[in-house]
C-alpha atoms as a PDB file:
ATOM      1  CA  MET A   1      -6.513  71.347  -1.469  1.00  0.00           C
ATOM      2  CA  VAL A   2      -6.025  70.433  -5.503  1.00  0.00           C
ATOM      3  CA  GLY A   3      -3.666  72.957  -5.992  1.00  0.00           C
ATOM      4  CA  ALA A   4      -1.271  71.956  -2.630  1.00  0.00           C
ATOM      5  CA  SER A   5      -1.535  68.613  -4.434  1.00  0.00           C
ATOM      6  CA  ALA A   6      -0.324  69.825  -8.064  1.00  0.00           C
ATOM      7  CA  ASP A   7       2.041  71.952  -6.093  1.00  0.00           C
ATOM      8  CA  PHE A   8       3.767  69.255  -3.789  1.00  0.00           C
ATOM      9  CA  ALA A   9       3.879  66.684  -7.660  1.00  0.00           C
ATOM     10  CA  VAL A  10       5.336  69.513  -9.394  1.00  0.00           C
ATOM     11  CA  GLY A  11       7.643  70.593  -6.971  1.00  0.00           C
ATOM     12  CA  VAL A  12       8.588  67.325  -5.738  1.00  0.00           C
ATOM     13  CA  TYR A  13      10.240  66.690  -9.497  1.00  0.00           C
ATOM     14  CA  PRO A  14      13.584  67.500  -8.444  1.00  0.00           C
ATOM     15  CA  GLY A  15      13.940  64.444  -5.812  1.00  0.00           C
ATOM     16  CA  VAL A  16      13.134  61.748  -9.118  1.00  0.00           C
ATOM     17  CA  ASP A  17      16.448  63.272 -10.715  1.00  0.00           C
ATOM     18  CA  LEU A  18      18.381  61.938  -7.372  1.00  0.00           C
ATOM     19  CA  ALA A  19      16.135  58.729  -7.203  1.00  0.00           C
ATOM     20  CA  ARG A  20      17.717  58.237 -10.981  1.00  0.00           C
ATOM     21  CA  GLY A  21      20.813  59.165 -10.156  1.00  0.00           C
ATOM     22  CA  SER A  22      20.978  57.126  -7.213  1.00  0.00           C
ATOM     23  CA  GLY A  23      19.268  53.771  -8.835  1.00  0.00           C
ATOM     24  CA  GLN A  24      15.993  54.263  -6.577  1.00  0.00           C
ATOM     25  CA  ASP A  25      12.181  54.252  -7.916  1.00  0.00           C
ATOM     26  CA  GLU A  26      11.489  57.623  -9.503  1.00  0.00           C
ATOM     27  CA  SER A  27       7.837  56.989 -10.286  1.00  0.00           C
ATOM     28  CA  LEU A  28       5.553  59.611  -9.347  1.00  0.00           C
ATOM     29  CA  ASP A  29       2.079  58.102  -7.740  1.00  0.00           C
ATOM     30  CA  PRO A  30      -0.157  57.804 -10.774  1.00  0.00           C
ATOM     31  CA  ALA A  31      -3.173  59.551  -8.970  1.00  0.00           C
ATOM     32  CA  ALA A  32      -1.085  62.800  -8.039  1.00  0.00           C
ATOM     33  CA  ALA A  33       0.197  62.720 -11.706  1.00  0.00           C
ATOM     34  CA  GLU A  34      -3.348  62.837 -13.078  1.00  0.00           C
ATOM     35  CA  ILE A  35      -4.671  65.474 -10.434  1.00  0.00           C
ATOM     36  CA  SER A  36      -1.041  67.876 -11.087  1.00  0.00           C
ATOM     37  CA  LEU A  37      -2.528  67.172 -15.268  1.00  0.00           C
ATOM     38  CA  ALA A  38      -6.251  68.509 -14.417  1.00  0.00           C
ATOM     39  CA  TYR A  39      -4.803  71.411 -12.049  1.00  0.00           C
ATOM     40  CA  ALA A  40      -2.292  72.378 -15.034  1.00  0.00           C
ATOM     41  CA  HIS A  41      -4.608  72.100 -17.568  1.00  0.00           C
ATOM     42  CA  ALA A  42      -7.234  74.575 -15.655  1.00  0.00           C
ATOM     43  CA  ASN A  43      -4.454  77.453 -14.618  1.00  0.00           C
ATOM     44  CA  THR A  44      -1.348  77.677 -16.887  1.00  0.00           C
ATOM     45  CA  GLU A  45      -2.966  80.274 -18.905  1.00  0.00           C
ATOM     46  CA  ARG A  46      -4.141  82.185 -16.116  1.00  0.00           C
ATOM     47  CA  PHE A  47      -0.718  81.623 -14.383  1.00  0.00           C
ATOM     48  CA  ALA A  48       1.374  82.591 -17.346  1.00  0.00           C
ATOM     49  CA  GLY A  49      -1.032  85.944 -17.617  1.00  0.00           C
ATOM     50  CA  LEU A  50      -0.049  86.618 -14.385  1.00  0.00           C
ATOM     51  CA  GLY A  51       3.528  85.695 -14.689  1.00  0.00           C
ATOM     52  CA  ILE A  52       3.765  83.242 -12.517  1.00  0.00           C
ATOM     53  CA  ILE A  53       5.114  80.738 -15.625  1.00  0.00           C
ATOM     54  CA  ALA A  54       6.398  81.251 -18.789  1.00  0.00           C
ATOM     55  CA  PRO A  55       4.541  79.696 -21.802  1.00  0.00           C
ATOM     56  CA  PRO A  56       4.188  76.201 -21.223  1.00  0.00           C
ATOM     57  CA  VAL A  57       7.546  73.917 -22.983  1.00  0.00           C
ATOM     58  CA  PRO A  58       6.218  71.983 -25.660  1.00  0.00           C
ATOM     59  CA  THR A  59       6.769  67.936 -24.785  1.00  0.00           C
ATOM     60  CA  THR A  60       5.842  64.859 -27.154  1.00  0.00           C
ATOM     61  CA  SER A  61       5.272  62.746 -24.018  1.00  0.00           C
ATOM     62  CA  ASP A  62       1.770  61.283 -22.987  1.00  0.00           C
ATOM     63  CA  ASP A  63       3.443  60.462 -19.179  1.00  0.00           C
ATOM     64  CA  PRO A  64       0.457  62.156 -17.288  1.00  0.00           C
ATOM     65  CA  ALA A  65       3.801  62.817 -14.264  1.00  0.00           C
ATOM     66  CA  VAL A  66       5.991  64.636 -17.516  1.00  0.00           C
ATOM     67  CA  GLN A  67       3.080  66.717 -18.689  1.00  0.00           C
ATOM     68  CA  PRO A  68       1.941  68.942 -15.568  1.00  0.00           C
ATOM     69  CA  LEU A  69       5.345  69.805 -15.538  1.00  0.00           C
ATOM     70  CA  SER A  70       5.864  70.693 -18.982  1.00  0.00           C
ATOM     71  CA  LEU A  71       2.817  72.547 -18.872  1.00  0.00           C
ATOM     72  CA  LEU A  72       3.795  74.656 -15.841  1.00  0.00           C
ATOM     73  CA  ASP A  73       6.902  75.371 -17.267  1.00  0.00           C
ATOM     74  CA  ARG A  74       9.425  73.048 -16.452  1.00  0.00           C
ATOM     75  CA  ALA A  75      11.358  70.939 -19.059  1.00  0.00           C
ATOM     76  CA  VAL A  76      12.025  67.086 -18.922  1.00  0.00           C
END
């Protein structure tokens, strides 16, 4: 279930762009972001080794919503 939660949190990120563009709240649930971050840390190397994702995108952000996205090959 953790993987599904992380996949959902990462997959929903494009909706954040829509929220930002329309002036709506763009924040992600902090608990979901923390679960996603733990999942990304635990699986990034395995996913990259399987060719599912590219290497992590460097980030200087300490935002728990940005870190899992960066680890899972998404530039923010």
